[in-house]
Amino acid sequence: MREYRGLVRVLAFFAALRNYGYVDRLGNALDEVTALEALKDSIRDFHSLCFDSEDKCVETKIGGEEIKLRCPDVSAEDLMKDFDGFIESIKGKPSDVIIKSTRRLALAALAEKEILRGERC
């Protein structure tokens, strides 16, 4: 999914960390408010983990192994542009359109998680 690349990479990063909460909340969103809240929360936590980090790495445990994953290179400006664009694209739309859009974004993130899991510090 090229149009919301920054959002996909942020959500994929959390999936790579085995933190599927944001992806699940977005994939299950039935309305624009739920989608907005899931994306807002993921951006806030991404900002805390990655923008405020000097080495841009996050430690996690995967399969019993301690690893450090590199934060994806996503600028705050691009991320907000993607966020605003996505929210605008579902604003006032019927539920079936919102569900299709949110699930598409969530699936794109899941498809990319293994790529990000390979980007280690």
C-alpha atoms as a PDB file:
ATOM      1  CA  MET A   1       0.000   0.000   0.000  1.00  0.00           C
ATOM      2  CA  ARG A   2       1.876   3.022  -1.277  1.00  0.00           C
ATOM      3  CA  GLU A   3      -0.494   5.819  -0.405  1.00  0.00           C
ATOM      4  CA  TYR A   4      -0.124   5.605   3.395  1.00  0.00           C
ATOM      5  CA  ARG A   5       3.410   4.231   3.542  1.00  0.00           C
ATOM      6  CA  GLY A   6       4.317   5.933   6.834  1.00  0.00           C
ATOM      7  CA  LEU A   7       1.270   4.562   8.644  1.00  0.00           C
ATOM      8  CA  VAL A   8       1.905   1.089   7.251  1.00  0.00           C
ATOM      9  CA  ARG A   9       5.518   1.151   8.448  1.00  0.00           C
ATOM     10  CA  VAL A  10       4.569   2.351  11.942  1.00  0.00           C
ATOM     11  CA  LEU A  11       1.898  -0.331  12.316  1.00  0.00           C
ATOM     12  CA  ALA A  12       4.254  -2.959  10.853  1.00  0.00           C
ATOM     13  CA  PHE A  13       6.909  -1.918  13.362  1.00  0.00           C
ATOM     14  CA  PHE A  14       4.575  -2.641  16.260  1.00  0.00           C
ATOM     15  CA  ALA A  15       3.607  -5.972  14.673  1.00  0.00           C
ATOM     16  CA  ALA A  16       7.321  -6.788  14.299  1.00  0.00           C
ATOM     17  CA  LEU A  17       7.651  -6.133  18.046  1.00  0.00           C
ATOM     18  CA  ARG A  18       4.753  -8.590  18.541  1.00  0.00           C
ATOM     19  CA  ASN A  19       2.550  -5.743  19.749  1.00  0.00           C
ATOM     20  CA  TYR A  20      -0.517  -6.382  17.591  1.00  0.00           C
ATOM     21  CA  GLY A  21      -2.931  -4.204  19.567  1.00  0.00           C
ATOM     22  CA  TYR A  22      -2.884  -1.227  17.178  1.00  0.00           C
ATOM     23  CA  VAL A  23      -3.165  -3.401  14.071  1.00  0.00           C
ATOM     24  CA  ASP A  24      -6.027  -5.379  15.607  1.00  0.00           C
ATOM     25  CA  ARG A  25      -7.879  -2.256  16.757  1.00  0.00           C
ATOM     26  CA  LEU A  26      -7.550  -0.726  13.304  1.00  0.00           C
ATOM     27  CA  GLY A  27      -8.521  -3.946  11.508  1.00  0.00           C
ATOM     28  CA  ASN A  28     -11.621  -4.252  13.676  1.00  0.00           C
ATOM     29  CA  ALA A  29     -12.636  -0.583  13.421  1.00  0.00           C
ATOM     30  CA  LEU A  30     -16.236  -0.140  12.298  1.00  0.00           C
ATOM     31  CA  ASP A  31     -16.241   3.653  12.275  1.00  0.00           C
ATOM     32  CA  GLU A  32     -13.900   6.572  11.685  1.00  0.00           C
ATOM     33  CA  VAL A  33     -13.587   7.441  15.394  1.00  0.00           C
ATOM     34  CA  THR A  34     -12.284   3.978  16.293  1.00  0.00           C
ATOM     35  CA  ALA A  35      -9.828   4.105  13.372  1.00  0.00           C
ATOM     36  CA  LEU A  36      -8.681   7.590  14.366  1.00  0.00           C
ATOM     37  CA  GLU A  37      -8.085   6.523  17.977  1.00  0.00           C
ATOM     38  CA  ALA A  38      -6.120   3.405  16.988  1.00  0.00           C
ATOM     39  CA  LEU A  39      -3.895   5.395  14.630  1.00  0.00           C
ATOM     40  CA  LYS A  40      -3.463   8.261  17.095  1.00  0.00           C
ATOM     41  CA  ASP A  41      -2.382   5.888  19.839  1.00  0.00           C
ATOM     42  CA  SER A  42       0.066   4.070  17.560  1.00  0.00           C
ATOM     43  CA  ILE A  43       1.625   7.352  16.423  1.00  0.00           C
ATOM     44  CA  ARG A  44       1.936   8.566  20.000  1.00  0.00           C
ATOM     45  CA  ASP A  45       3.701   5.383  21.103  1.00  0.00           C
ATOM     46  CA  PHE A  46       5.900   5.347  17.992  1.00  0.00           C
ATOM     47  CA  HIS A  47       6.915   8.903  18.774  1.00  0.00           C
ATOM     48  CA  SER A  48       7.806   7.931  22.354  1.00  0.00           C
ATOM     49  CA  LEU A  49       9.793   4.866  21.303  1.00  0.00           C
ATOM     50  CA  CYS A  50      11.517   6.136  18.184  1.00  0.00           C
ATOM     51  CA  PHE A  51      11.580   9.915  17.870  1.00  0.00           C
ATOM     52  CA  ASP A  52      12.747  10.351  21.458  1.00  0.00           C
ATOM     53  CA  SER A  53      15.409   7.624  21.160  1.00  0.00           C
ATOM     54  CA  GLU A  54      19.020   8.491  20.403  1.00  0.00           C
ATOM     55  CA  ASP A  55      19.934   5.190  18.730  1.00  0.00           C
ATOM     56  CA  LYS A  56      16.490   4.678  17.102  1.00  0.00           C
ATOM     57  CA  CYS A  57      16.391   1.068  18.340  1.00  0.00           C
ATOM     58  CA  VAL A  58      13.889  -0.804  20.492  1.00  0.00           C
ATOM     59  CA  GLU A  59      14.666  -3.942  22.479  1.00  0.00           C
ATOM     60  CA  THR A  60      12.255  -6.866  22.392  1.00  0.00           C
ATOM     61  CA  LYS A  61      12.151 -10.614  22.882  1.00  0.00           C
ATOM     62  CA  ILE A  62      11.116 -12.798  19.961  1.00  0.00           C
ATOM     63  CA  GLY A  63      11.099 -16.562  20.305  1.00  0.00           C
ATOM     64  CA  GLY A  64      13.119 -16.349  23.511  1.00  0.00           C
ATOM     65  CA  GLU A  65      15.826 -14.273  21.836  1.00  0.00           C
ATOM     66  CA  GLU A  66      16.571 -10.702  22.932  1.00  0.00           C
ATOM     67  CA  ILE A  67      16.903  -8.472  19.871  1.00  0.00           C
ATOM     68  CA  LYS A  68      17.038  -4.778  19.014  1.00  0.00           C
ATOM     69  CA  LEU A  69      14.880  -3.651  16.110  1.00  0.00           C
ATOM     70  CA  ARG A  70      15.635  -0.482  14.195  1.00  0.00           C
ATOM     71  CA  CYS A  71      12.836   2.076  14.095  1.00  0.00           C
ATOM     72  CA  PRO A  72      11.552   2.659  10.561  1.00  0.00           C
ATOM     73  CA  ASP A  73      12.694   5.886   8.965  1.00  0.00           C
ATOM     74  CA  VAL A  74       9.430   7.822   8.939  1.00  0.00           C
ATOM     75  CA  SER A  75       9.377  11.572   9.443  1.00  0.00           C
ATOM     76  CA  ALA A  76       6.797  13.159  11.724  1.00  0.00           C
ATOM     77  CA  GLU A  77       5.670  15.337   8.817  1.00  0.00           C
ATOM     78  CA  ASP A  78       5.090  12.371   6.477  1.00  0.00           C
ATOM     79  CA  LEU A  79       3.337  10.455   9.223  1.00  0.00           C
ATOM     80  CA  MET A  80       0.914  13.287   9.923  1.00  0.00           C
ATOM     81  CA  LYS A  81       0.296  13.747   6.203  1.00  0.00           C
ATOM     82  CA  ASP A  82      -0.570  10.051   5.913  1.00  0.00           C
ATOM     83  CA  PHE A  83      -2.748  10.213   9.032  1.00  0.00           C
ATOM     84  CA  ASP A  84      -4.673  13.248   7.789  1.00  0.00           C
ATOM     85  CA  GLY A  85      -5.075  11.704   4.324  1.00  0.00           C
ATOM     86  CA  PHE A  86      -6.341   8.390   5.647  1.00  0.00           C
ATOM     87  CA  ILE A  87      -8.804   9.960   8.063  1.00  0.00           C
ATOM     88  CA  GLU A  88     -10.063  12.267   5.301  1.00  0.00           C
ATOM     89  CA  SER A  89     -10.511   9.250   2.996  1.00  0.00           C
ATOM     90  CA  ILE A  90     -12.901   7.536   5.443  1.00  0.00           C
ATOM     91  CA  LYS A  91     -14.586  10.631   6.876  1.00  0.00           C
ATOM     92  CA  GLY A  92     -18.372  10.413   6.515  1.00  0.00           C
ATOM     93  CA  LYS A  93     -18.175   7.165   4.547  1.00  0.00           C
ATOM     94  CA  PRO A  94     -20.531   4.227   5.123  1.00  0.00           C
ATOM     95  CA  SER A  95     -19.353   1.468   7.474  1.00  0.00           C
ATOM     96  CA  ASP A  96     -18.593  -1.013   4.692  1.00  0.00           C
ATOM     97  CA  VAL A  97     -16.161   1.433   3.063  1.00  0.00           C
ATOM     98  CA  ILE A  98     -14.519   2.200   6.413  1.00  0.00           C
ATOM     99  CA  ILE A  99     -14.140  -1.500   7.223  1.00  0.00           C
ATOM    100  CA  LYS A 100     -12.585  -2.199   3.824  1.00  0.00           C
ATOM    101  CA  SER A 101     -10.132   0.693   4.194  1.00  0.00           C
ATOM    102  CA  THR A 102      -9.083  -0.060   7.769  1.00  0.00           C
ATOM    103  CA  ARG A 103      -8.631  -3.777   7.101  1.00  0.00           C
ATOM    104  CA  ARG A 104      -6.610  -3.034   3.986  1.00  0.00           C
ATOM    105  CA  LEU A 105      -4.270  -0.798   5.997  1.00  0.00           C
ATOM    106  CA  ALA A 106      -3.980  -3.386   8.789  1.00  0.00           C
ATOM    107  CA  LEU A 107      -3.245  -6.199   6.324  1.00  0.00           C
ATOM    108  CA  ALA A 108      -0.599  -4.114   4.575  1.00  0.00           C
ATOM    109  CA  ALA A 109       1.107  -3.632   7.953  1.00  0.00           C
ATOM    110  CA  LEU A 110       1.011  -7.358   8.718  1.00  0.00           C
ATOM    111  CA  ALA A 111       2.479  -8.109   5.304  1.00  0.00           C
ATOM    112  CA  GLU A 112       5.421  -5.807   6.024  1.00  0.00           C
ATOM    113  CA  LYS A 113       6.195  -6.863   9.601  1.00  0.00           C
ATOM    114  CA  GLU A 114       8.752  -9.528   8.640  1.00  0.00           C
ATOM    115  CA  ILE A 115      10.702  -7.007   6.596  1.00  0.00           C
ATOM    116  CA  LEU A 116      10.946  -4.720   9.620  1.00  0.00           C
ATOM    117  CA  ARG A 117      11.756  -7.641  11.898  1.00  0.00           C
ATOM    118  CA  GLY A 118      14.889  -8.116   9.804  1.00  0.00           C
ATOM    119  CA  GLU A 119      16.068  -4.530  10.350  1.00  0.00           C
ATOM    120  CA  ARG A 120      18.132  -4.934  13.487  1.00  0.00           C
ATOM    121  CA  CYS A 121      20.530  -2.637  15.287  1.00  0.00           C
END
